[in-house]
PDB file of all heavy atoms in Angstrom:
ATOM      1  N   GLY A   1       0.795  -1.240  -0.050  1.00  0.00           N
ATOM      2  CA  GLY A   1       0.016  -0.001  -0.007  1.00  0.00           C
ATOM      3  C   GLY A   1       0.802   1.285   0.014  1.00  0.00           C
ATOM      4  O   GLY A   1       2.007   1.269  -0.052  1.00  0.00           O
ATOM      5  N   GLY A   2       0.064   2.373   0.148  1.00  0.00           N
ATOM      6  CA  GLY A   2       0.791   3.709   0.117  1.00  0.00           C
ATOM      7  C   GLY A   2      -0.243   4.841  -0.183  1.00  0.00           C
ATOM      8  O   GLY A   2      -1.385   4.416  -0.588  1.00  0.00           O
ATOM      9  N   GLY A   3       0.141   5.963   0.026  1.00  0.00           N
ATOM     10  CA  GLY A   3      -0.895   7.178  -0.219  1.00  0.00           C
ATOM     11  C   GLY A   3      -1.143   7.328  -1.711  1.00  0.00           C
ATOM     12  O   GLY A   3      -0.156   7.200  -2.578  1.00  0.00           O
ATOM     13  N   ARG A   4      -2.276   7.665  -1.917  1.00  0.00           N
ATOM     14  CA  ARG A   4      -2.787   7.802  -3.345  1.00  0.00           C
ATOM     15  C   ARG A   4      -2.070   8.902  -4.088  1.00  0.00           C
ATOM     16  O   ARG A   4      -2.007   8.879  -5.487  1.00  0.00           O
ATOM     17  CB  ARG A   4      -4.349   8.083  -3.445  1.00  0.00           C
ATOM     18  CG  ARG A   4      -4.630   9.350  -2.627  1.00  0.00           C
ATOM     19  CD  ARG A   4      -6.106   9.610  -2.800  1.00  0.00           C
ATOM     20  NE  ARG A   4      -6.502  10.292  -3.983  1.00  0.00           N
ATOM     21  CZ  ARG A   4      -7.740  10.632  -4.352  1.00  0.00           C
ATOM     22  NH1 ARG A   4      -8.707  10.539  -3.442  1.00  0.00           N
ATOM     23  NH2 ARG A   4      -7.977  11.143  -5.521  1.00  0.00           N
ATOM     24  N   MET A   5      -1.488   9.894  -3.395  1.00  0.00           N
ATOM     25  CA  MET A   5      -0.799  10.985  -4.166  1.00  0.00           C
ATOM     26  C   MET A   5       0.663  10.711  -4.112  1.00  0.00           C
ATOM     27  O   MET A   5       1.459  11.575  -4.558  1.00  0.00           O
ATOM     28  CB  MET A   5      -1.052  12.335  -3.527  1.00  0.00           C
ATOM     29  CG  MET A   5      -2.588  12.679  -3.606  1.00  0.00           C
ATOM     30  SD  MET A   5      -3.123  12.702  -5.377  1.00  0.00           S
ATOM     31  CE  MET A   5      -2.243  14.243  -6.003  1.00  0.00           C
ATOM     32  N   LYS A   6       1.024   9.606  -3.624  1.00  0.00           N
ATOM     33  CA  LYS A   6       2.424   9.061  -3.528  1.00  0.00           C
ATOM     34  C   LYS A   6       2.785   8.097  -4.600  1.00  0.00           C
ATOM     35  O   LYS A   6       3.873   8.143  -5.199  1.00  0.00           O
ATOM     36  CB  LYS A   6       2.916   8.678  -2.117  1.00  0.00           C
ATOM     37  CG  LYS A   6       4.302   8.719  -1.850  1.00  0.00           C
ATOM     38  CD  LYS A   6       4.733  10.050  -1.591  1.00  0.00           C
ATOM     39  CE  LYS A   6       6.120  10.115  -1.108  1.00  0.00           C
ATOM     40  NZ  LYS A   6       6.686  11.530  -0.795  1.00  0.00           N
ATOM     41  N   ILE A   7       1.903   7.121  -4.732  1.00  0.00           N
ATOM     42  CA  ILE A   7       2.129   6.106  -5.708  1.00  0.00           C
ATOM     43  C   ILE A   7       0.794   5.811  -6.539  1.00  0.00           C
ATOM     44  O   ILE A   7      -0.239   6.082  -6.226  1.00  0.00           O
ATOM     45  CB  ILE A   7       2.550   4.809  -4.894  1.00  0.00           C
ATOM     46  CG1 ILE A   7       1.391   4.194  -4.040  1.00  0.00           C
ATOM     47  CG2 ILE A   7       3.764   4.992  -4.050  1.00  0.00           C
ATOM     48  CD1 ILE A   7       1.618   2.838  -3.488  1.00  0.00           C
ATOM     49  N   THR A   8       1.256   5.228  -7.699  1.00  0.00           N
ATOM     50  CA  THR A   8       0.208   4.474  -8.681  1.00  0.00           C
ATOM     51  C   THR A   8      -0.769   5.384  -9.316  1.00  0.00           C
ATOM     52  O   THR A   8      -1.059   5.205 -10.410  1.00  0.00           O
ATOM     53  CB  THR A   8      -0.530   3.375  -7.768  1.00  0.00           C
ATOM     54  OG1 THR A   8       0.440   2.582  -7.027  1.00  0.00           O
ATOM     55  CG2 THR A   8      -1.395   2.539  -8.741  1.00  0.00           C
ATOM     56  N   MET A   9      -1.469   6.309  -8.590  1.00  0.00           N
ATOM     57  CA  MET A   9      -2.628   6.994  -9.030  1.00  0.00           C
ATOM     58  C   MET A   9      -2.452   8.349  -9.741  1.00  0.00           C
ATOM     59  O   MET A   9      -3.146   9.360  -9.621  1.00  0.00           O
ATOM     60  CB  MET A   9      -3.679   7.174  -7.950  1.00  0.00           C
ATOM     61  CG  MET A   9      -4.495   5.866  -7.825  1.00  0.00           C
ATOM     62  SD  MET A   9      -5.719   5.936  -6.556  1.00  0.00           S
ATOM     63  CE  MET A   9      -6.785   7.344  -7.083  1.00  0.00           C
ATOM     64  N   ASP A  10      -1.306   8.418 -10.473  1.00  0.00           N
ATOM     65  CA  ASP A  10      -1.075   9.642 -11.227  1.00  0.00           C
ATOM     66  C   ASP A  10      -2.123   9.724 -12.340  1.00  0.00           C
ATOM     67  O   ASP A  10      -2.873   8.813 -12.671  1.00  0.00           O
ATOM     68  CB  ASP A  10       0.367   9.594 -11.969  1.00  0.00           C
ATOM     69  CG  ASP A  10       0.653  10.898 -12.672  1.00  0.00           C
ATOM     70  OD1 ASP A  10       0.437  12.038 -12.239  1.00  0.00           O
ATOM     71  OD2 ASP A  10       1.130  10.754 -13.764  1.00  0.00           O
ATOM     72  N   ARG A  11      -2.321  10.874 -13.036  1.00  0.00           N
ATOM     73  CA  ARG A  11      -3.166  10.983 -14.087  1.00  0.00           C
ATOM     74  C   ARG A  11      -2.510  12.083 -15.062  1.00  0.00           C
ATOM     75  O   ARG A  11      -1.767  12.907 -14.783  1.00  0.00           O
ATOM     76  CB  ARG A  11      -4.515  11.496 -13.596  1.00  0.00           C
ATOM     77  CG  ARG A  11      -4.543  12.837 -13.051  1.00  0.00           C
ATOM     78  CD  ARG A  11      -6.058  13.226 -12.678  1.00  0.00           C
ATOM     79  NE  ARG A  11      -6.161  14.559 -11.965  1.00  0.00           N
ATOM     80  CZ  ARG A  11      -7.217  14.895 -11.413  1.00  0.00           C
ATOM     81  NH1 ARG A  11      -8.218  14.294 -11.409  1.00  0.00           N
ATOM     82  NH2 ARG A  11      -7.240  16.139 -10.865  1.00  0.00           N
ATOM     83  N   TYR A  12      -2.991  12.015 -16.351  1.00  0.00           N
ATOM     84  CA  TYR A  12      -2.622  12.833 -17.437  1.00  0.00           C
ATOM     85  C   TYR A  12      -1.157  12.983 -17.622  1.00  0.00           C
ATOM     86  O   TYR A  12      -0.638  13.958 -18.021  1.00  0.00           O
ATOM     87  CB  TYR A  12      -3.203  14.241 -17.204  1.00  0.00           C
ATOM     88  CG  TYR A  12      -4.658  14.261 -16.848  1.00  0.00           C
ATOM     89  CD1 TYR A  12      -5.259  15.198 -16.084  1.00  0.00           C
ATOM     90  CD2 TYR A  12      -5.602  13.326 -17.537  1.00  0.00           C
ATOM     91  CE1 TYR A  12      -6.656  15.276 -15.678  1.00  0.00           C
ATOM     92  CE2 TYR A  12      -7.011  13.372 -17.228  1.00  0.00           C
ATOM     93  CZ  TYR A  12      -7.477  14.261 -16.332  1.00  0.00           C
ATOM     94  OH  TYR A  12      -8.775  14.296 -16.020  1.00  0.00           O
ATOM     95  N   ASN A  13      -0.423  11.874 -17.389  1.00  0.00           N
ATOM     96  CA  ASN A  13       0.984  11.751 -17.524  1.00  0.00           C
ATOM     97  C   ASN A  13       1.693  12.893 -16.839  1.00  0.00           C
ATOM     98  O   ASN A  13       2.826  13.360 -17.270  1.00  0.00           O
ATOM     99  CB  ASN A  13       1.290  11.885 -19.089  1.00  0.00           C
ATOM    100  CG  ASN A  13       0.540  10.825 -19.935  1.00  0.00           C
ATOM    101  OD1 ASN A  13       0.666   9.627 -19.626  1.00  0.00           O
ATOM    102  ND2 ASN A  13      -0.171  11.244 -20.878  1.00  0.00           N
ATOM    103  N   ALA A  14       1.200  13.291 -15.726  1.00  0.00           N
ATOM    104  CA  ALA A  14       1.860  14.399 -14.987  1.00  0.00           C
ATOM    105  C   ALA A  14       3.100  13.984 -14.288  1.00  0.00           C
ATOM    106  O   ALA A  14       4.028  14.683 -14.049  1.00  0.00           O
ATOM    107  CB  ALA A  14       0.875  15.004 -14.016  1.00  0.00           C
ATOM    108  N   ASN A  15       3.078  12.835 -13.724  1.00  0.00           N
ATOM    109  CA  ASN A  15       4.225  12.242 -12.753  1.00  0.00           C
ATOM    110  C   ASN A  15       4.248  10.796 -12.910  1.00  0.00           C
ATOM    111  O   ASN A  15       3.979  10.091 -11.991  1.00  0.00           O
ATOM    112  CB  ASN A  15       3.884  12.865 -11.427  1.00  0.00           C
ATOM    113  CG  ASN A  15       5.218  12.440 -10.509  1.00  0.00           C
ATOM    114  OD1 ASN A  15       6.150  11.945 -10.886  1.00  0.00           O
ATOM    115  ND2 ASN A  15       5.020  12.841  -9.292  1.00  0.00           N
ATOM    116  N   TRP A  16       4.986  10.229 -13.883  1.00  0.00           N
ATOM    117  CA  TRP A  16       5.103   8.873 -13.951  1.00  0.00           C
ATOM    118  C   TRP A  16       5.854   8.163 -12.946  1.00  0.00           C
ATOM    119  O   TRP A  16       5.902   6.999 -12.729  1.00  0.00           O
ATOM    120  CB  TRP A  16       5.743   8.592 -15.502  1.00  0.00           C
ATOM    121  CG  TRP A  16       4.754   8.425 -16.603  1.00  0.00           C
ATOM    122  CD1 TRP A  16       4.359   9.410 -17.433  1.00  0.00           C
ATOM    123  CD2 TRP A  16       3.836   7.333 -16.768  1.00  0.00           C
ATOM    124  NE1 TRP A  16       3.338   8.976 -18.232  1.00  0.00           N
ATOM    125  CE2 TRP A  16       3.100   7.700 -17.852  1.00  0.00           C
ATOM    126  CE3 TRP A  16       3.763   6.110 -16.300  1.00  0.00           C
ATOM    127  CZ2 TRP A  16       1.987   6.760 -18.474  1.00  0.00           C
ATOM    128  CZ3 TRP A  16       2.706   5.185 -16.703  1.00  0.00           C
ATOM    129  CH2 TRP A  16       1.985   5.607 -17.960  1.00  0.00           C
ATOM    130  N   LYS A  17       6.627   8.958 -12.192  1.00  0.00           N
ATOM    131  CA  LYS A  17       7.363   8.462 -11.084  1.00  0.00           C
ATOM    132  C   LYS A  17       6.498   7.828 -10.011  1.00  0.00           C
ATOM    133  O   LYS A  17       6.911   6.857  -9.334  1.00  0.00           O
ATOM    134  CB  LYS A  17       8.286   9.481 -10.443  1.00  0.00           C
ATOM    135  CG  LYS A  17       9.497   9.907 -11.414  1.00  0.00           C
ATOM    136  CD  LYS A  17      10.585   8.775 -11.357  1.00  0.00           C
ATOM    137  CE  LYS A  17      11.839   9.191 -12.139  1.00  0.00           C
ATOM    138  NZ  LYS A  17      12.676   8.142 -12.322  1.00  0.00           N
ATOM    139  N   MET A  18       5.266   8.422  -9.904  1.00  0.00           N
ATOM    140  CA  MET A  18       4.308   7.840  -9.028  1.00  0.00           C
ATOM    141  C   MET A  18       3.891   6.443  -9.406  1.00  0.00           C
ATOM    142  O   MET A  18       3.892   5.589  -8.575  1.00  0.00           O
ATOM    143  CB  MET A  18       3.086   8.733  -8.951  1.00  0.00           C
ATOM    144  CG  MET A  18       3.156   9.983  -8.154  1.00  0.00           C
ATOM    145  SD  MET A  18       1.742  10.982  -8.224  1.00  0.00           S
ATOM    146  CE  MET A  18       0.410   9.882  -7.662  1.00  0.00           C
ATOM    147  N   VAL A  19       3.709   6.348 -10.664  1.00  0.00           N
ATOM    148  CA  VAL A  19       3.339   4.982 -11.230  1.00  0.00           C
ATOM    149  C   VAL A  19       4.493   3.932 -10.951  1.00  0.00           C
ATOM    150  O   VAL A  19       4.241   2.702 -10.815  1.00  0.00           O
ATOM    151  CB  VAL A  19       2.866   5.130 -12.676  1.00  0.00           C
ATOM    152  CG1 VAL A  19       2.146   3.653 -13.110  1.00  0.00           C
ATOM    153  CG2 VAL A  19       1.806   6.193 -12.732  1.00  0.00           C
ATOM    154  N   GLU A  20       5.706   4.355 -11.334  1.00  0.00           N
ATOM    155  CA  GLU A  20       6.775   3.534 -11.219  1.00  0.00           C
ATOM    156  C   GLU A  20       6.973   3.063  -9.783  1.00  0.00           C
ATOM    157  O   GLU A  20       7.294   1.854  -9.494  1.00  0.00           O
ATOM    158  CB  GLU A  20       8.002   4.223 -11.644  1.00  0.00           C
ATOM    159  CG  GLU A  20       9.273   3.355 -11.555  1.00  0.00           C
ATOM    160  CD  GLU A  20      10.553   4.114 -12.115  1.00  0.00           C
ATOM    161  OE1 GLU A  20      10.523   5.394 -12.394  1.00  0.00           O
ATOM    162  OE2 GLU A  20      11.597   3.380 -12.260  1.00  0.00           O
ATOM    163  N   LEU A  21       6.769   3.994  -8.915  1.00  0.00           N
ATOM    164  CA  LEU A  21       6.886   3.606  -7.478  1.00  0.00           C
ATOM    165  C   LEU A  21       5.822   2.664  -7.119  1.00  0.00           C
ATOM    166  O   LEU A  21       6.081   1.624  -6.300  1.00  0.00           O
ATOM    167  CB  LEU A  21       6.847   4.897  -6.527  1.00  0.00           C
ATOM    168  CG  LEU A  21       7.205   4.823  -5.113  1.00  0.00           C
ATOM    169  CD1 LEU A  21       8.616   4.095  -4.968  1.00  0.00           C
ATOM    170  CD2 LEU A  21       7.117   6.169  -4.376  1.00  0.00           C
ATOM    171  N   GLY A  22       4.576   2.782  -7.607  1.00  0.00           N
ATOM    172  CA  GLY A  22       3.532   1.878  -7.364  1.00  0.00           C
ATOM    173  C   GLY A  22       3.851   0.455  -7.896  1.00  0.00           C
ATOM    174  O   GLY A  22       3.557  -0.529  -7.304  1.00  0.00           O
ATOM    175  N   TRP A  23       4.366   0.505  -9.167  1.00  0.00           N
ATOM    176  CA  TRP A  23       4.701  -0.779  -9.701  1.00  0.00           C
ATOM    177  C   TRP A  23       5.767  -1.489  -8.826  1.00  0.00           C
ATOM    178  O   TRP A  23       5.597  -2.827  -8.612  1.00  0.00           O
ATOM    179  CB  TRP A  23       5.289  -0.587 -11.191  1.00  0.00           C
ATOM    180  CG  TRP A  23       5.634  -1.730 -11.802  1.00  0.00           C
ATOM    181  CD1 TRP A  23       6.945  -2.382 -11.962  1.00  0.00           C
ATOM    182  CD2 TRP A  23       4.808  -2.472 -12.842  1.00  0.00           C
ATOM    183  NE1 TRP A  23       6.843  -3.397 -12.795  1.00  0.00           N
ATOM    184  CE2 TRP A  23       5.574  -3.574 -13.298  1.00  0.00           C
ATOM    185  CE3 TRP A  23       3.531  -2.285 -13.186  1.00  0.00           C
ATOM    186  CZ2 TRP A  23       5.028  -4.510 -14.260  1.00  0.00           C
ATOM    187  CZ3 TRP A  23       2.954  -3.332 -14.085  1.00  0.00           C
ATOM    188  CH2 TRP A  23       3.732  -4.333 -14.510  1.00  0.00           C
ATOM    189  N   LYS A  24       6.808  -0.840  -8.431  1.00  0.00           N
ATOM    190  CA  LYS A  24       7.756  -1.468  -7.625  1.00  0.00           C
ATOM    191  C   LYS A  24       7.236  -1.960  -6.194  1.00  0.00           C
ATOM    192  O   LYS A  24       7.594  -3.079  -5.869  1.00  0.00           O
ATOM    193  CB  LYS A  24       8.912  -0.523  -7.328  1.00  0.00           C
ATOM    194  CG  LYS A  24       9.800  -0.136  -8.417  1.00  0.00           C
ATOM    195  CD  LYS A  24      10.897   0.980  -8.070  1.00  0.00           C
ATOM    196  CE  LYS A  24      11.733   1.227  -9.249  1.00  0.00           C
ATOM    197  NZ  LYS A  24      12.791   2.235  -8.809  1.00  0.00           N
ATOM    198  N   THR A  25       6.259  -1.274  -5.853  1.00  0.00           N
ATOM    199  CA  THR A  25       5.641  -1.690  -4.494  1.00  0.00           C
ATOM    200  C   THR A  25       4.600  -2.943  -4.678  1.00  0.00           C
ATOM    201  O   THR A  25       4.786  -3.918  -4.015  1.00  0.00           O
ATOM    202  CB  THR A  25       4.742  -0.559  -4.032  1.00  0.00           C
ATOM    203  OG1 THR A  25       5.650   0.589  -3.735  1.00  0.00           O
ATOM    204  CG2 THR A  25       4.205  -0.891  -2.680  1.00  0.00           C
ATOM    205  N   HIS A  26       3.669  -2.759  -5.582  1.00  0.00           N
ATOM    206  CA  HIS A  26       2.646  -3.869  -5.840  1.00  0.00           C
ATOM    207  C   HIS A  26       3.253  -5.049  -6.554  1.00  0.00           C
ATOM    208  O   HIS A  26       2.995  -6.180  -6.206  1.00  0.00           O
ATOM    209  CB  HIS A  26       1.470  -3.284  -6.574  1.00  0.00           C
ATOM    210  CG  HIS A  26       0.941  -1.966  -6.125  1.00  0.00           C
ATOM    211  ND1 HIS A  26       0.714  -1.666  -4.713  1.00  0.00           N
ATOM    212  CD2 HIS A  26       0.592  -0.970  -6.747  1.00  0.00           C
ATOM    213  CE1 HIS A  26       0.231  -0.502  -4.645  1.00  0.00           C
ATOM    214  NE2 HIS A  26       0.260   0.053  -5.747  1.00  0.00           N
ATOM    215  N   VAL A  27       3.990  -4.823  -7.601  1.00  0.00           N
ATOM    216  CA  VAL A  27       4.318  -5.931  -8.542  1.00  0.00           C
ATOM    217  C   VAL A  27       5.680  -6.527  -7.973  1.00  0.00           C
ATOM    218  O   VAL A  27       5.708  -7.739  -7.885  1.00  0.00           O
ATOM    219  CB  VAL A  27       4.463  -5.326  -9.922  1.00  0.00           C
ATOM    220  CG1 VAL A  27       5.003  -6.552 -10.933  1.00  0.00           C
ATOM    221  CG2 VAL A  27       3.206  -4.839 -10.478  1.00  0.00           C
ATOM    222  N   LEU A  28       6.621  -5.731  -7.772  1.00  0.00           N
ATOM    223  CA  LEU A  28       7.965  -6.312  -7.418  1.00  0.00           C
ATOM    224  C   LEU A  28       8.241  -6.466  -5.909  1.00  0.00           C
ATOM    225  O   LEU A  28       9.064  -7.281  -5.506  1.00  0.00           O
ATOM    226  CB  LEU A  28       9.090  -5.324  -7.987  1.00  0.00           C
ATOM    227  CG  LEU A  28       9.024  -4.878  -9.426  1.00  0.00           C
ATOM    228  CD1 LEU A  28      10.169  -4.022  -9.749  1.00  0.00           C
ATOM    229  CD2 LEU A  28       8.953  -6.180 -10.369  1.00  0.00           C
ATOM    230  N   GLY A  29       7.301  -5.874  -5.131  1.00  0.00           N
ATOM    231  CA  GLY A  29       7.457  -6.124  -3.628  1.00  0.00           C
ATOM    232  C   GLY A  29       8.678  -5.405  -3.098  1.00  0.00           C
ATOM    233  O   GLY A  29       9.201  -5.836  -2.110  1.00  0.00           O
TER     234      GLY A  29
END
């Protein structure tokens, strides 16, 4: 898990680093 404005839930290609951090958290552990 993690905060919605920290990981995963970026929008409109504003901050792909959020999505990358979410991927590392959820997918890679």
